[in-house]
């Protein structure tokens, strides 16, 4: 197949799954995307396992046994953050050479690219690693229900490769922030806000005081962020003190140390700084829960085994120099990361304006980054074959 024919074939496949409404809560739609993935994997000799996730589509895992002692996991997700609209149907912008559509970059183009890369490797190479292809049904919600399986697969894999989009500047991702999402609630006493003799036990004021103590703790130069992302109360009246208030907090961090620093500040306020009212003869009652707790994907010095080869391929294919980079967002790959394995993300086509009506990816990337990934996988297979030959005294492998 010529490269033009391959690119056109890949674009048609991308359109097929972009046109499916696979917002996380649309279980049937997510399953349809997974059926596409499953069918493609079965044709390549994969066995399929599905793990049930409560109220969501299943976690799909394809496994293909290789003939060398190397295990590689590729990570994708079938769901999208948003439901499609008339404005986000699949389109091709021939002038700007972009593909547009809901989930086209995050990460449906990556799914197709990953499947095509594996297909090319199997057709072109005699030495094939053990391959896992993972397709999460609820990555946009943090893949709840999948984390323990992810950790186990990470422990089994020497290389974990994420098919999330490359950064908009073309760089690939060698480290990611972790995130912790909190829901913090405060219960006070409902009262008329204008009465001077009324109890002053305002839960909104209580949570605002906490937010003022933590929102400036982040430092973009240290890759840390703290954001209040939602506040709601039990009343919408302008002259009523609410009985109840809830605040959601999003903490992003490249290290566990920063996460623990914010945790300490929050817990100190909640458990050691009472907010009371003499008139009411009562205190604010607070509660906290962690909704999502994703570890960071730390930068590892051993990533150059993969990235040097991959980036050299991109220079030849795209005539542009790229680099490795850090991403402030978390992803499924964070749960796969161990001290021993190599984790690289952003191996899908470049992504821009994800989770918006303008989401797009670069057409040429669908082919060039597929080729770069296949070539790098082939190199890894050769290197590991050599290492095994050396262990068995087979000098002919050099």
Protein backbone atom coordinates (compact mmCIF):
# COMPACT_ATOMS: atom_id res chain seq x y z
CA UNK A 1 0.00 0.00 0.00
CA UNK A 2 1.36 3.42 -0.94
CA UNK A 3 1.72 6.04 1.77
CA UNK A 4 -1.08 8.14 0.24
CA UNK A 5 -3.38 5.12 0.23
CA UNK A 6 -2.44 4.29 3.82
CA UNK A 7 -3.12 7.86 4.95
CA UNK A 8 -6.50 7.92 3.23
CA UNK A 9 -7.39 4.54 4.75
CA UNK A 10 -6.44 5.79 8.23
CA UNK A 11 -8.48 8.98 7.80
CA UNK A 12 -11.53 6.91 6.84
CA UNK A 13 -11.10 4.82 10.00
CA UNK A 14 -10.74 7.94 12.12
CA UNK A 15 -13.93 9.34 10.63
CA UNK A 16 -15.74 6.09 11.40
CA UNK A 17 -15.09 6.33 15.13
CA UNK A 18 -15.27 10.14 15.40
CA UNK A 19 -18.80 9.92 14.04
CA UNK A 20 -19.76 7.67 16.97
CA UNK A 21 -21.14 9.48 20.03
CA UNK A 22 -18.90 7.95 22.70
CA UNK A 23 -19.18 10.48 25.51
CA UNK A 24 -18.31 8.56 28.67
CA UNK A 25 -21.92 8.24 29.87
CA UNK A 26 -23.10 6.91 26.50
CA UNK A 27 -22.23 3.29 27.26
CA UNK A 28 -23.55 1.96 23.93
CA UNK A 29 -21.48 4.51 22.00
CA UNK A 30 -18.30 3.71 23.91
CA UNK A 31 -18.90 0.02 23.23
CA UNK A 32 -19.22 0.74 19.50
CA UNK A 33 -15.77 2.34 19.45
CA UNK A 34 -14.42 -0.60 21.43
CA UNK A 35 -16.00 -3.00 18.93
CA UNK A 36 -13.98 -1.26 16.22
CA UNK A 37 -10.82 -1.69 18.32
CA UNK A 38 -11.65 -5.29 19.19
CA UNK A 39 -12.26 -6.24 15.56
CA UNK A 40 -8.96 -4.68 14.50
CA UNK A 41 -7.03 -6.48 17.26
CA UNK A 42 -8.58 -9.89 16.55
CA UNK A 43 -7.47 -9.60 12.91
CA UNK A 44 -3.92 -9.07 14.23
CA UNK A 45 -4.00 -12.20 16.37
CA UNK A 46 -4.89 -10.65 19.73
CA UNK A 47 -6.96 -12.37 22.38
CA UNK A 48 -9.51 -10.09 24.05
CA UNK A 49 -10.42 -9.66 27.70
CA UNK A 50 -13.16 -7.34 28.96
CA UNK A 51 -13.37 -6.19 32.59
CA UNK A 52 -16.77 -4.94 33.75
CA UNK A 53 -16.86 -1.39 35.14
CA UNK A 54 -19.90 -0.32 37.14
CA UNK A 55 -22.31 1.83 35.08
CA UNK A 56 -19.75 2.19 32.29
CA UNK A 57 -18.62 0.24 29.24
CA UNK A 58 -16.03 -2.45 30.03
CA UNK A 59 -12.28 -2.02 30.11
CA UNK A 60 -10.99 -3.64 26.91
CA UNK A 61 -7.58 -5.34 26.89
CA UNK A 62 -6.08 -7.08 23.88
CA UNK A 63 -3.05 -9.34 24.34
CA UNK A 64 -0.77 -10.79 21.70
CA UNK A 65 2.01 -13.15 22.73
CA UNK A 66 5.35 -12.45 21.06
CA UNK A 67 8.48 -14.47 20.46
CA UNK A 68 10.98 -12.30 22.37
CA UNK A 69 11.20 -11.47 26.06
CA UNK A 70 9.89 -7.92 25.77
CA UNK A 71 6.47 -6.62 26.80
CA UNK A 72 5.01 -3.36 25.48
CA UNK A 73 1.67 -1.83 26.46
CA UNK A 74 -0.14 0.72 24.32
CA UNK A 75 -2.82 2.82 26.02
CA UNK A 76 -5.89 4.40 24.47
CA UNK A 77 -9.43 5.33 25.47
CA UNK A 78 -12.72 5.02 23.64
CA UNK A 79 -14.63 7.78 25.42
CA UNK A 80 -14.80 11.51 24.79
CA UNK A 81 -15.32 14.34 27.26
CA UNK A 82 -18.16 15.97 25.31
CA UNK A 83 -21.18 14.86 23.38
CA UNK A 84 -20.97 15.63 19.66
CA UNK A 85 -22.95 18.48 18.17
CA UNK A 86 -23.59 19.65 14.63
CA UNK A 87 -20.53 21.88 15.03
CA UNK A 88 -18.25 19.00 16.04
CA UNK A 89 -18.95 16.42 13.36
CA UNK A 90 -15.94 15.07 11.47
CA UNK A 91 -14.50 17.52 8.94
CA UNK A 92 -11.38 17.83 6.83
CA UNK A 93 -9.87 21.31 6.47
CA UNK A 94 -7.86 20.92 3.26
CA UNK A 95 -6.53 24.47 3.43
CA UNK A 96 -5.00 24.06 6.90
CA UNK A 97 -4.52 20.30 6.47
CA UNK A 98 -6.37 19.46 9.67
CA UNK A 99 -8.86 16.85 10.81
CA UNK A 100 -11.60 18.29 13.04
CA UNK A 101 -14.26 16.68 15.19
CA UNK A 102 -15.26 15.66 18.69
CA UNK A 103 -12.51 13.44 20.11
CA UNK A 104 -10.48 13.45 16.91
CA UNK A 105 -7.28 14.29 18.79
CA UNK A 106 -8.24 12.97 22.22
CA UNK A 107 -7.81 10.27 21.28
CA UNK A 108 -9.51 8.66 18.31
CA UNK A 109 -6.77 9.49 15.82
CA UNK A 110 -4.36 7.99 18.35
CA UNK A 111 -6.37 4.76 18.46
CA UNK A 112 -6.11 4.32 14.69
CA UNK A 113 -2.43 5.30 14.67
CA UNK A 114 -1.64 2.75 17.38
CA UNK A 115 -3.50 -0.06 15.63
CA UNK A 116 -1.80 0.73 12.32
CA UNK A 117 1.63 0.86 13.98
CA UNK A 118 1.14 -2.61 15.48
CA UNK A 119 -0.17 -3.95 12.18
CA UNK A 120 2.88 -2.65 10.30
CA UNK A 121 5.26 -4.08 12.92
CA UNK A 122 3.69 -7.53 12.71
CA UNK A 123 3.80 -7.53 8.90
CA UNK A 124 7.37 -6.22 8.63
CA UNK A 125 9.17 -7.83 11.57
CA UNK A 126 10.02 -11.40 12.52
CA UNK A 127 10.76 -10.57 16.16
CA UNK A 128 7.58 -9.46 17.90
CA UNK A 129 7.23 -8.46 21.57
CA UNK A 130 4.38 -9.36 23.87
CA UNK A 131 1.86 -6.58 23.25
CA UNK A 132 -1.02 -5.31 25.37
CA UNK A 133 -3.46 -2.88 23.76
CA UNK A 134 -5.60 -1.19 26.40
CA UNK A 135 -8.78 0.76 25.60
CA UNK A 136 -10.33 2.47 28.62
CA UNK A 137 -14.06 3.28 28.64
CA UNK A 138 -13.90 6.23 31.03
CA UNK A 139 -10.52 7.97 30.82
CA UNK A 140 -12.21 11.36 30.76
CA UNK A 141 -13.55 10.62 34.25
CA UNK A 142 -10.19 9.31 35.51
CA UNK A 143 -10.73 5.62 34.57
CA UNK A 144 -12.31 4.81 37.92
CA UNK A 145 -12.48 1.05 38.40
CA UNK A 146 -9.43 0.40 36.22
CA UNK A 147 -6.51 1.55 38.36
CA UNK A 148 -5.47 -1.75 39.91
CA UNK A 149 -5.49 -3.46 36.51
CA UNK A 150 -3.41 -0.60 35.09
CA UNK A 151 -0.84 -0.96 37.87
CA UNK A 152 -0.57 -4.70 37.29
CA UNK A 153 -0.05 -4.24 33.55
CA UNK A 154 2.55 -1.55 34.24
CA UNK A 155 4.49 -3.98 36.40
CA UNK A 156 4.47 -6.52 33.56
CA UNK A 157 5.63 -4.04 30.89
CA UNK A 158 9.11 -2.79 30.05
CA UNK A 159 7.64 -0.04 27.83
CA UNK A 160 4.30 1.73 28.29
CA UNK A 161 3.33 3.92 25.35
CA UNK A 162 0.42 6.37 25.48
CA UNK A 163 -1.57 7.25 22.37
CA UNK A 164 -2.78 10.56 23.79
CA UNK A 165 -2.12 13.45 21.36
CA UNK A 166 1.32 14.98 21.08
CA UNK A 167 1.54 18.50 22.46
CA UNK A 168 0.48 21.27 20.09
CA UNK A 169 4.16 22.14 19.47
CA UNK A 170 4.78 18.56 18.34
CA UNK A 171 6.73 17.46 21.41
CA UNK A 172 6.10 14.11 23.05
CA UNK A 173 5.50 13.63 26.77
CA UNK A 174 8.00 12.07 29.18
CA UNK A 175 6.45 13.27 32.45
CA UNK A 176 2.96 14.19 33.60
CA UNK A 177 1.47 15.84 36.63
CA UNK A 178 -0.62 13.81 38.97
CA UNK A 179 -3.92 15.17 40.21
CA UNK A 180 -6.02 14.93 43.33
CA UNK A 181 -9.64 16.05 43.24
CA UNK A 182 -11.36 16.96 46.50
CA UNK A 183 -14.97 17.62 47.39
CA UNK A 184 -15.11 19.65 50.61
CA UNK A 185 -18.43 20.40 52.29
CA UNK A 186 -19.40 22.72 55.12
CA UNK A 187 -22.71 22.72 57.01
CA UNK A 188 -23.75 25.84 58.91
CA UNK A 189 -27.12 27.34 59.84
CA UNK A 190 -29.65 28.85 57.48
CA UNK A 191 -30.60 32.39 58.48
CA UNK A 192 -31.78 35.76 57.18
CA UNK A 193 -28.64 37.52 55.99
CA UNK A 194 -29.86 40.98 57.03
CA UNK A 195 -30.91 40.32 60.63
CA UNK A 196 -28.26 41.56 63.06
CA UNK A 197 -29.39 39.19 65.80
CA UNK A 198 -29.38 36.14 63.50
CA UNK A 199 -26.74 33.43 63.90
CA UNK A 200 -23.69 33.99 61.75
CA UNK A 201 -22.68 30.49 60.81
CA UNK A 202 -22.10 30.87 57.09
CA UNK A 203 -20.61 27.76 55.38
CA UNK A 204 -19.81 29.73 52.22
CA UNK A 205 -17.58 32.10 54.18
CA UNK A 206 -15.93 29.10 55.79
CA UNK A 207 -14.98 27.51 52.46
CA UNK A 208 -13.88 30.85 51.01
CA UNK A 209 -11.47 31.20 53.92
CA UNK A 210 -10.02 27.78 53.13
CA UNK A 211 -9.74 28.59 49.42
CA UNK A 212 -7.80 31.78 50.20
CA UNK A 213 -5.28 29.70 52.11
CA UNK A 214 -4.57 27.26 49.30
CA UNK A 215 -5.18 28.82 45.88
CA UNK A 216 -1.88 30.70 45.76
CA UNK A 217 0.16 27.69 46.83
CA UNK A 218 0.67 26.57 43.23
CA UNK A 219 3.68 27.72 41.23
CA UNK A 220 3.72 27.32 37.44
CA UNK A 221 7.52 27.33 37.47
CA UNK A 222 7.38 24.30 39.77
CA UNK A 223 4.63 22.79 37.60
CA UNK A 224 2.10 22.93 40.42
CA UNK A 225 -1.46 24.27 40.35
CA UNK A 226 -4.36 24.54 42.78
CA UNK A 227 -7.78 25.51 41.42
CA UNK A 228 -11.22 25.87 42.91
CA UNK A 229 -13.32 24.41 40.10
CA UNK A 230 -16.86 24.45 41.54
CA UNK A 231 -18.77 26.08 44.39
CA UNK A 232 -22.46 25.52 45.12
CA UNK A 233 -24.74 26.14 48.08
CA UNK A 234 -28.14 25.03 49.26
CA UNK A 235 -29.80 28.34 48.37
CA UNK A 236 -29.86 30.76 45.47
CA UNK A 237 -31.51 33.57 47.40
CA UNK A 238 -29.62 36.85 47.70
CA UNK A 239 -30.72 37.43 51.32
CA UNK A 240 -30.38 33.95 52.82
CA UNK A 241 -27.34 32.43 54.49
CA UNK A 242 -27.14 28.87 53.14
CA UNK A 243 -27.18 25.86 55.41
CA UNK A 244 -24.83 23.92 53.17
CA UNK A 245 -21.94 24.72 50.81
CA UNK A 246 -19.76 22.47 48.66
CA UNK A 247 -16.42 23.25 46.99
CA UNK A 248 -14.41 21.17 44.53
CA UNK A 249 -10.63 21.53 44.45
CA UNK A 250 -8.28 20.37 41.69
CA UNK A 251 -4.63 19.94 42.73
CA UNK A 252 -1.95 19.23 40.08
CA UNK A 253 1.56 18.16 41.02
CA UNK A 254 4.71 16.60 39.54
CA UNK A 255 5.75 15.11 42.88
CA UNK A 256 4.11 13.47 45.87
CA UNK A 257 5.79 16.07 48.14
CA UNK A 258 3.66 18.92 46.78
CA UNK A 259 0.49 16.84 46.96
CA UNK A 260 1.21 16.10 50.61
CA UNK A 261 1.92 19.78 51.30
CA UNK A 262 -1.54 20.78 50.05
CA UNK A 263 -3.12 17.86 51.88
CA UNK A 264 -1.54 19.06 55.12
CA UNK A 265 -2.86 22.60 54.63
CA UNK A 266 -6.39 21.40 53.87
CA UNK A 267 -6.50 18.94 56.76
CA UNK A 268 -5.11 21.48 59.21
CA UNK A 269 -7.88 23.91 58.33
CA UNK A 270 -10.65 21.32 58.40
CA UNK A 271 -9.68 19.64 61.66
CA UNK A 272 -7.84 22.32 63.63
CA UNK A 273 -9.50 25.69 62.89
CA UNK A 274 -13.08 25.68 64.22
CA UNK A 275 -15.58 28.20 62.90
CA UNK A 276 -18.18 28.86 65.61
CA UNK A 277 -21.02 31.24 66.41
CA UNK A 278 -21.95 32.33 69.96
CA UNK A 279 -25.53 33.16 69.01
CA UNK A 280 -26.08 29.79 67.35
CA UNK A 281 -24.04 27.97 70.01
CA UNK A 282 -22.70 25.76 67.20
CA UNK A 283 -19.77 25.18 64.86
CA UNK A 284 -19.43 24.63 61.13
CA UNK A 285 -19.43 20.89 60.38
CA UNK A 286 -16.97 20.02 57.66
CA UNK A 287 -16.37 16.90 55.57
CA UNK A 288 -13.85 16.02 52.88
CA UNK A 289 -13.59 13.26 50.30
CA UNK A 290 -11.07 12.48 47.59
CA UNK A 291 -12.83 11.91 44.28
CA UNK A 292 -9.77 11.05 42.21
CA UNK A 293 -6.16 10.43 43.21
CA UNK A 294 -3.86 10.01 40.26
CA UNK A 295 -0.10 9.70 40.88
CA UNK A 296 2.36 11.70 38.77
CA UNK A 297 4.26 10.11 35.90
CA UNK A 298 7.79 10.98 36.92
CA UNK A 299 10.54 11.87 34.45
CA UNK A 300 12.93 8.94 34.09
CA UNK A 301 16.46 9.06 32.75
CA UNK A 302 16.01 5.77 30.87
CA UNK A 303 13.42 7.25 28.50
CA UNK A 304 16.17 8.12 25.98
CA UNK A 305 16.27 4.46 24.86
CA UNK A 306 12.96 5.19 23.16
CA UNK A 307 12.87 8.94 22.61
CA UNK A 308 16.21 9.31 20.82
CA UNK A 309 15.16 6.85 18.14
CA UNK A 310 11.61 8.17 17.86
CA UNK A 311 12.63 11.83 17.60
CA UNK A 312 15.33 11.05 15.01
CA UNK A 313 12.64 9.38 12.94
CA UNK A 314 10.39 12.43 13.21
CA UNK A 315 13.18 14.73 12.01
CA UNK A 316 13.55 12.60 8.90
CA UNK A 317 9.82 12.32 8.32
CA UNK A 318 8.66 15.84 9.18
CA UNK A 319 11.88 17.81 8.65
CA UNK A 320 11.40 19.46 12.05
CA UNK A 321 13.19 19.01 15.35
CA UNK A 322 11.03 18.11 18.32
CA UNK A 323 11.81 17.42 21.95
CA UNK A 324 10.43 15.73 25.03
CA UNK A 325 8.25 17.75 27.39
CA UNK A 326 6.18 17.80 30.57
CA UNK A 327 2.38 17.84 30.58
CA UNK A 328 0.36 19.45 33.35
CA UNK A 329 -2.51 17.04 32.76
CA UNK A 330 -2.82 13.52 34.11
CA UNK A 331 -3.75 10.49 32.00
CA UNK A 332 -4.19 6.73 32.25
CA UNK A 333 -0.47 6.19 31.71
CA UNK A 334 0.25 7.66 35.16
CA UNK A 335 -1.14 4.52 36.77
CA UNK A 336 1.12 2.27 34.66
CA UNK A 337 4.32 4.05 35.63
CA UNK A 338 6.79 2.21 37.90
CA UNK A 339 10.39 2.86 38.88
CA UNK A 340 11.50 0.17 36.45
CA UNK A 341 9.50 0.68 33.24
CA UNK A 342 9.78 3.34 30.55
CA UNK A 343 6.65 5.48 30.06
CA UNK A 344 6.21 7.76 27.03
CA UNK A 345 2.97 9.55 26.13
CA UNK A 346 1.82 11.91 23.40
CA UNK A 347 2.51 9.42 20.61
CA UNK A 348 -0.72 10.26 18.83
CA UNK A 349 -0.99 13.05 16.24
CA UNK A 350 -0.65 16.61 17.55
CA UNK A 351 -3.75 17.78 19.39
CA UNK A 352 -5.21 21.27 19.73
CA UNK A 353 -8.28 22.66 21.50
CA UNK A 354 -9.24 19.34 23.07
CA UNK A 355 -12.61 19.25 24.83
CA UNK A 356 -13.91 22.07 22.62
CA UNK A 357 -15.80 22.56 19.37
CA UNK A 358 -12.51 23.40 17.63
CA UNK A 359 -10.67 20.17 18.49
CA UNK A 360 -8.31 19.22 15.68
CA UNK A 361 -5.22 17.27 14.69
CA UNK A 362 -2.70 17.48 11.85
CA UNK A 363 -3.47 15.23 8.88
CA UNK A 364 0.15 14.39 8.02
CA UNK A 365 0.86 13.31 11.61
CA UNK A 366 -1.47 10.36 11.19
CA UNK A 367 1.09 8.82 8.83
CA UNK A 368 4.44 10.26 9.93
CA UNK A 369 3.96 9.52 13.60
CA UNK A 370 2.67 6.05 12.78
CA UNK A 371 5.86 5.36 10.83
CA UNK A 372 8.03 6.82 13.61
CA UNK A 373 6.31 4.59 16.17
CA UNK A 374 6.63 1.45 14.04
CA UNK A 375 10.30 2.15 13.34
CA UNK A 376 11.00 2.69 17.03
CA UNK A 377 9.17 -0.50 18.01
CA UNK A 378 11.19 -2.39 15.40
CA UNK A 379 14.41 -0.96 16.85
CA UNK A 380 13.40 -2.03 20.36
CA UNK A 381 12.66 -5.55 19.14
CA UNK A 382 16.08 -5.75 17.49
CA UNK A 383 17.84 -4.45 20.59
CA UNK A 384 16.12 -6.90 22.89
CA UNK A 385 16.80 -9.75 20.47
CA UNK A 386 20.49 -8.81 20.58
CA UNK A 387 20.46 -8.72 24.37
CA UNK A 388 18.91 -12.17 24.55
CA UNK A 389 21.45 -13.46 22.04
CA UNK A 390 24.24 -12.06 24.17
CA UNK A 391 22.84 -13.81 27.23
CA UNK A 392 22.86 -17.10 25.31
CA UNK A 393 26.28 -16.55 23.73
CA UNK A 394 24.97 -16.02 20.20
CA UNK A 395 27.58 -13.74 18.64
CA UNK A 396 25.86 -13.82 15.26
CA UNK A 397 23.27 -11.33 16.53
CA UNK A 398 25.89 -8.58 16.52
